[in-house]
Amino acid sequence: MTADGSLTVSADIVNKGSREGDEVVQLYTRQLVGSVTRPVRELRAFQRVHLQSGEKKTVQFTLRASDLAFYNEHMKLAVEPGAFEVWIAPDSARGVQGDFRVRRMPE
C-alpha cells in the first residue's frame, strides 16, 4: 500500500461451540522498524460478530495508511514506509497473522 492508500484484511470466524454467541474480533498491527519505538501490537479496529452454533462468517476490515499514523520524533503526525505485521484476533495474544508493506509516495 502507498502512504495514502488502503487495504482490506479478512479472516473466517467459526463458532465451534454448541451455543450461539458473540465474539469481538480485533485488528492489530505492528510496524517492524520505525523512527520511534512503538507497541508490539496496536489495536486498530474491532467488530462484534454474532454467530449461531457451527456458523462461519468472514470478517473484513479496511485499513487505511492514515490509520497507521503516529507522532514521530519531531512531533509531526507521520506514516512511515516499511514492513508491518497484521493480526485478526480474539485478543492481543493470539490470532491469524499476515504482513504488508507501506511504500513511500512517488515524488
N, C-alpha and C. Protein backbone atom coordinates (compact mmCIF):
# COMPACT_ATOMS: atom_id res chain seq x y z
N MET A 1 0.85 -1.17 0.00
CA MET A 1 0.00 0.00 0.00
C MET A 1 0.89 1.23 0.00
N THR A 2 0.43 2.29 -0.62
CA THR A 2 1.16 3.55 -0.59
C THR A 2 0.76 4.32 0.66
N ALA A 3 1.50 5.38 0.96
CA ALA A 3 1.27 6.15 2.18
C ALA A 3 -0.07 6.89 2.17
N ASP A 4 -0.81 6.84 1.07
CA ASP A 4 -2.16 7.42 1.05
C ASP A 4 -3.21 6.39 0.64
N GLY A 5 -2.85 5.11 0.67
CA GLY A 5 -3.73 4.04 0.20
C GLY A 5 -4.44 3.31 1.32
N SER A 6 -5.00 2.15 0.96
CA SER A 6 -5.69 1.30 1.93
C SER A 6 -5.61 -0.15 1.47
N LEU A 7 -5.94 -1.05 2.37
CA LEU A 7 -6.03 -2.47 2.03
C LEU A 7 -7.13 -3.09 2.86
N THR A 8 -7.63 -4.24 2.39
CA THR A 8 -8.67 -4.97 3.09
C THR A 8 -8.05 -6.21 3.72
N VAL A 9 -8.35 -6.42 4.99
CA VAL A 9 -7.86 -7.57 5.75
C VAL A 9 -9.08 -8.37 6.15
N SER A 10 -9.04 -9.70 5.93
CA SER A 10 -10.21 -10.51 6.27
C SER A 10 -9.78 -11.86 6.85
N ALA A 11 -10.71 -12.45 7.60
CA ALA A 11 -10.50 -13.79 8.15
C ALA A 11 -11.86 -14.44 8.38
N ASP A 12 -11.90 -15.75 8.34
CA ASP A 12 -13.11 -16.50 8.65
C ASP A 12 -13.16 -16.76 10.15
N ILE A 13 -14.33 -16.51 10.73
CA ILE A 13 -14.57 -16.73 12.15
C ILE A 13 -15.59 -17.86 12.26
N VAL A 14 -15.32 -18.85 13.12
CA VAL A 14 -16.19 -20.01 13.27
C VAL A 14 -16.57 -20.19 14.73
N ASN A 15 -17.86 -20.44 14.98
CA ASN A 15 -18.32 -20.79 16.32
C ASN A 15 -18.30 -22.31 16.42
N LYS A 16 -17.32 -22.86 17.12
CA LYS A 16 -17.21 -24.31 17.26
C LYS A 16 -17.96 -24.84 18.47
N GLY A 17 -18.59 -23.93 19.21
CA GLY A 17 -19.34 -24.33 20.41
C GLY A 17 -20.72 -24.83 20.09
N SER A 18 -21.41 -25.26 21.14
CA SER A 18 -22.76 -25.81 20.97
C SER A 18 -23.85 -24.76 21.15
N ARG A 19 -23.46 -23.51 21.45
CA ARG A 19 -24.44 -22.43 21.65
C ARG A 19 -24.08 -21.22 20.80
N GLU A 20 -25.11 -20.43 20.50
CA GLU A 20 -24.85 -19.19 19.78
C GLU A 20 -24.11 -18.23 20.72
N GLY A 21 -23.43 -17.28 20.13
CA GLY A 21 -22.71 -16.32 20.95
C GLY A 21 -22.12 -15.19 20.13
N ASP A 22 -21.53 -14.24 20.85
CA ASP A 22 -20.88 -13.09 20.24
C ASP A 22 -19.37 -13.21 20.42
N GLU A 23 -18.66 -12.70 19.45
CA GLU A 23 -17.20 -12.61 19.51
C GLU A 23 -16.82 -11.19 19.13
N VAL A 24 -15.89 -10.60 19.85
CA VAL A 24 -15.34 -9.30 19.47
C VAL A 24 -14.05 -9.59 18.71
N VAL A 25 -14.10 -9.39 17.40
CA VAL A 25 -12.97 -9.66 16.51
C VAL A 25 -12.14 -8.38 16.42
N GLN A 26 -10.83 -8.51 16.68
CA GLN A 26 -9.96 -7.34 16.78
C GLN A 26 -8.90 -7.35 15.69
N LEU A 27 -8.54 -6.15 15.23
CA LEU A 27 -7.49 -5.98 14.22
C LEU A 27 -6.31 -5.26 14.87
N TYR A 28 -5.14 -5.89 14.80
CA TYR A 28 -3.91 -5.32 15.37
C TYR A 28 -2.85 -5.18 14.28
N THR A 29 -1.98 -4.19 14.44
CA THR A 29 -0.83 -4.04 13.55
C THR A 29 0.43 -3.83 14.36
N ARG A 30 1.56 -4.07 13.70
CA ARG A 30 2.88 -3.80 14.27
C ARG A 30 3.79 -3.36 13.14
N GLN A 31 4.43 -2.21 13.29
CA GLN A 31 5.44 -1.78 12.34
C GLN A 31 6.77 -2.37 12.81
N LEU A 32 7.46 -3.10 11.92
CA LEU A 32 8.67 -3.82 12.32
C LEU A 32 9.84 -2.89 12.61
N VAL A 33 10.00 -1.82 11.84
CA VAL A 33 11.08 -0.86 12.07
C VAL A 33 10.51 0.54 11.87
N GLY A 34 10.75 1.41 12.83
CA GLY A 34 10.27 2.79 12.72
C GLY A 34 11.22 3.73 13.44
N SER A 35 11.01 5.02 13.26
CA SER A 35 11.89 6.01 13.88
C SER A 35 11.63 6.16 15.38
N VAL A 36 10.47 5.68 15.84
CA VAL A 36 10.09 5.75 17.25
C VAL A 36 9.67 4.36 17.68
N THR A 37 10.06 3.94 18.89
CA THR A 37 9.65 2.64 19.41
C THR A 37 8.14 2.66 19.66
N ARG A 38 7.48 1.64 19.15
CA ARG A 38 6.02 1.55 19.23
C ARG A 38 5.63 0.24 19.89
N PRO A 39 4.37 0.11 20.31
CA PRO A 39 3.91 -1.15 20.92
C PRO A 39 4.06 -2.34 19.96
N VAL A 40 4.17 -3.52 20.55
CA VAL A 40 4.28 -4.74 19.74
C VAL A 40 3.01 -4.96 18.93
N ARG A 41 1.85 -4.72 19.52
CA ARG A 41 0.57 -4.81 18.80
C ARG A 41 -0.27 -3.58 19.14
N GLU A 42 -0.75 -2.91 18.10
CA GLU A 42 -1.61 -1.76 18.29
C GLU A 42 -3.00 -2.08 17.76
N LEU A 43 -4.01 -1.93 18.62
CA LEU A 43 -5.39 -2.18 18.22
C LEU A 43 -5.81 -1.09 17.24
N ARG A 44 -6.28 -1.50 16.06
CA ARG A 44 -6.69 -0.55 15.02
C ARG A 44 -8.19 -0.52 14.80
N ALA A 45 -8.87 -1.65 15.02
CA ALA A 45 -10.31 -1.72 14.79
C ALA A 45 -10.85 -2.97 15.47
N PHE A 46 -12.17 -3.01 15.62
CA PHE A 46 -12.81 -4.21 16.14
C PHE A 46 -14.25 -4.26 15.66
N GLN A 47 -14.81 -5.46 15.67
CA GLN A 47 -16.22 -5.69 15.29
C GLN A 47 -16.81 -6.75 16.21
N ARG A 48 -18.05 -6.53 16.63
CA ARG A 48 -18.78 -7.57 17.36
C ARG A 48 -19.52 -8.41 16.33
N VAL A 49 -19.34 -9.72 16.41
CA VAL A 49 -19.95 -10.65 15.45
C VAL A 49 -20.80 -11.65 16.22
N HIS A 50 -22.05 -11.82 15.80
CA HIS A 50 -22.93 -12.82 16.42
C HIS A 50 -22.93 -14.06 15.53
N LEU A 51 -22.69 -15.23 16.16
CA LEU A 51 -22.62 -16.49 15.42
C LEU A 51 -23.52 -17.53 16.07
N GLN A 52 -24.27 -18.24 15.23
CA GLN A 52 -25.01 -19.41 15.70
C GLN A 52 -24.02 -20.56 15.89
N SER A 53 -24.41 -21.58 16.61
CA SER A 53 -23.56 -22.76 16.79
C SER A 53 -23.18 -23.33 15.42
N GLY A 54 -21.90 -23.52 15.18
CA GLY A 54 -21.41 -24.08 13.93
C GLY A 54 -21.34 -23.09 12.77
N GLU A 55 -21.77 -21.86 12.97
CA GLU A 55 -21.79 -20.88 11.89
C GLU A 55 -20.39 -20.31 11.63
N LYS A 56 -20.15 -20.00 10.35
CA LYS A 56 -18.90 -19.37 9.93
C LYS A 56 -19.22 -18.07 9.22
N LYS A 57 -18.48 -17.00 9.54
CA LYS A 57 -18.63 -15.71 8.86
C LYS A 57 -17.25 -15.19 8.50
N THR A 58 -17.20 -14.46 7.40
CA THR A 58 -15.97 -13.77 7.03
C THR A 58 -16.05 -12.34 7.56
N VAL A 59 -15.05 -11.95 8.31
CA VAL A 59 -14.98 -10.60 8.87
C VAL A 59 -13.95 -9.82 8.07
N GLN A 60 -14.32 -8.60 7.67
CA GLN A 60 -13.42 -7.75 6.87
C GLN A 60 -13.19 -6.42 7.57
N PHE A 61 -11.96 -5.94 7.45
CA PHE A 61 -11.57 -4.62 7.94
C PHE A 61 -10.90 -3.88 6.80
N THR A 62 -11.17 -2.59 6.67
CA THR A 62 -10.42 -1.75 5.74
C THR A 62 -9.42 -0.96 6.56
N LEU A 63 -8.16 -1.14 6.24
CA LEU A 63 -7.07 -0.47 6.95
C LEU A 63 -6.48 0.58 6.03
N ARG A 64 -6.61 1.83 6.42
CA ARG A 64 -6.05 2.93 5.63
C ARG A 64 -4.67 3.27 6.15
N ALA A 65 -3.81 3.75 5.27
CA ALA A 65 -2.47 4.16 5.69
C ALA A 65 -2.57 5.20 6.80
N SER A 66 -3.55 6.09 6.73
CA SER A 66 -3.70 7.11 7.77
C SER A 66 -3.99 6.50 9.14
N ASP A 67 -4.54 5.27 9.18
CA ASP A 67 -4.76 4.58 10.45
C ASP A 67 -3.44 4.21 11.12
N LEU A 68 -2.36 4.19 10.36
CA LEU A 68 -1.04 3.81 10.87
C LEU A 68 -0.21 5.01 11.31
N ALA A 69 -0.78 6.21 11.21
CA ALA A 69 -0.04 7.43 11.54
C ALA A 69 0.26 7.50 13.03
N PHE A 70 1.39 8.11 13.36
CA PHE A 70 1.80 8.34 14.75
C PHE A 70 2.65 9.60 14.79
N TYR A 71 2.86 10.11 15.99
CA TYR A 71 3.71 11.30 16.14
C TYR A 71 5.17 10.87 16.20
N ASN A 72 5.95 11.34 15.22
CA ASN A 72 7.37 10.96 15.14
C ASN A 72 8.21 11.77 16.12
N GLU A 73 9.52 11.62 16.03
CA GLU A 73 10.42 12.30 16.98
C GLU A 73 10.38 13.83 16.85
N HIS A 74 9.84 14.35 15.76
CA HIS A 74 9.68 15.80 15.56
C HIS A 74 8.27 16.26 15.94
N MET A 75 7.50 15.36 16.56
CA MET A 75 6.12 15.62 16.98
C MET A 75 5.22 15.99 15.80
N LYS A 76 5.50 15.36 14.65
CA LYS A 76 4.66 15.53 13.46
C LYS A 76 3.96 14.21 13.19
N LEU A 77 2.69 14.29 12.84
CA LEU A 77 1.93 13.10 12.50
C LEU A 77 2.46 12.55 11.19
N ALA A 78 2.87 11.28 11.20
CA ALA A 78 3.52 10.70 10.02
C ALA A 78 3.10 9.25 9.83
N VAL A 79 3.14 8.84 8.57
CA VAL A 79 3.02 7.42 8.20
C VAL A 79 4.36 7.07 7.58
N GLU A 80 5.12 6.22 8.25
CA GLU A 80 6.44 5.86 7.75
C GLU A 80 6.35 4.61 6.89
N PRO A 81 7.08 4.58 5.78
CA PRO A 81 7.09 3.37 4.96
C PRO A 81 7.80 2.24 5.69
N GLY A 82 7.48 1.01 5.30
CA GLY A 82 8.16 -0.14 5.89
C GLY A 82 7.26 -1.35 5.97
N ALA A 83 7.79 -2.37 6.62
CA ALA A 83 7.10 -3.65 6.76
C ALA A 83 6.24 -3.65 8.03
N PHE A 84 5.05 -4.25 7.89
CA PHE A 84 4.10 -4.35 9.00
C PHE A 84 3.62 -5.78 9.13
N GLU A 85 3.27 -6.16 10.35
CA GLU A 85 2.53 -7.39 10.60
C GLU A 85 1.11 -6.99 10.95
N VAL A 86 0.16 -7.86 10.65
CA VAL A 86 -1.25 -7.61 10.95
C VAL A 86 -1.86 -8.89 11.51
N TRP A 87 -2.76 -8.74 12.49
CA TRP A 87 -3.45 -9.87 13.08
C TRP A 87 -4.94 -9.58 13.14
N ILE A 88 -5.74 -10.59 12.86
CA ILE A 88 -7.16 -10.59 13.21
C ILE A 88 -7.27 -11.61 14.32
N ALA A 89 -7.79 -11.15 15.48
CA ALA A 89 -7.66 -11.96 16.68
C ALA A 89 -8.81 -11.75 17.65
N PRO A 90 -9.00 -12.72 18.57
CA PRO A 90 -9.99 -12.54 19.63
C PRO A 90 -9.42 -11.72 20.80
N ASP A 91 -8.08 -11.60 20.84
CA ASP A 91 -7.41 -10.84 21.90
C ASP A 91 -6.00 -10.47 21.43
N SER A 92 -5.23 -9.78 22.26
CA SER A 92 -3.93 -9.27 21.83
C SER A 92 -2.83 -10.33 21.82
N ALA A 93 -3.11 -11.53 22.28
CA ALA A 93 -2.06 -12.56 22.35
C ALA A 93 -2.16 -13.63 21.26
N ARG A 94 -3.28 -13.70 20.56
CA ARG A 94 -3.48 -14.76 19.57
C ARG A 94 -3.90 -14.16 18.25
N GLY A 95 -4.23 -15.03 17.28
CA GLY A 95 -4.82 -14.55 16.04
C GLY A 95 -4.18 -15.10 14.79
N VAL A 96 -4.81 -14.75 13.68
CA VAL A 96 -4.33 -15.11 12.35
C VAL A 96 -3.45 -13.96 11.88
N GLN A 97 -2.23 -14.27 11.47
CA GLN A 97 -1.25 -13.24 11.14
C GLN A 97 -1.00 -13.13 9.65
N GLY A 98 -0.74 -11.91 9.20
CA GLY A 98 -0.33 -11.63 7.83
C GLY A 98 0.69 -10.52 7.84
N ASP A 99 1.07 -10.06 6.67
CA ASP A 99 2.01 -8.95 6.61
C ASP A 99 1.74 -8.12 5.36
N PHE A 100 2.24 -6.88 5.39
CA PHE A 100 2.11 -5.97 4.25
C PHE A 100 3.20 -4.91 4.37
N ARG A 101 3.33 -4.13 3.32
CA ARG A 101 4.32 -3.03 3.30
C ARG A 101 3.62 -1.73 2.95
N VAL A 102 4.11 -0.66 3.55
CA VAL A 102 3.70 0.68 3.16
C VAL A 102 4.86 1.25 2.35
N ARG A 103 4.53 1.68 1.12
CA ARG A 103 5.57 2.22 0.23
C ARG A 103 5.57 3.74 0.31
N ARG A 104 6.73 4.30 0.11
CA ARG A 104 6.87 5.76 0.06
C ARG A 104 6.11 6.29 -1.14
N MET A 105 5.50 7.46 -0.97
CA MET A 105 4.78 8.10 -2.08
C MET A 105 5.76 8.52 -3.15
N PRO A 106 5.41 8.36 -4.43
CA PRO A 106 6.28 8.85 -5.50
C PRO A 106 6.39 10.37 -5.44
N GLU A 107 7.59 10.85 -5.70
CA GLU A 107 7.80 12.31 -5.62
C GLU A 107 7.62 12.98 -6.95
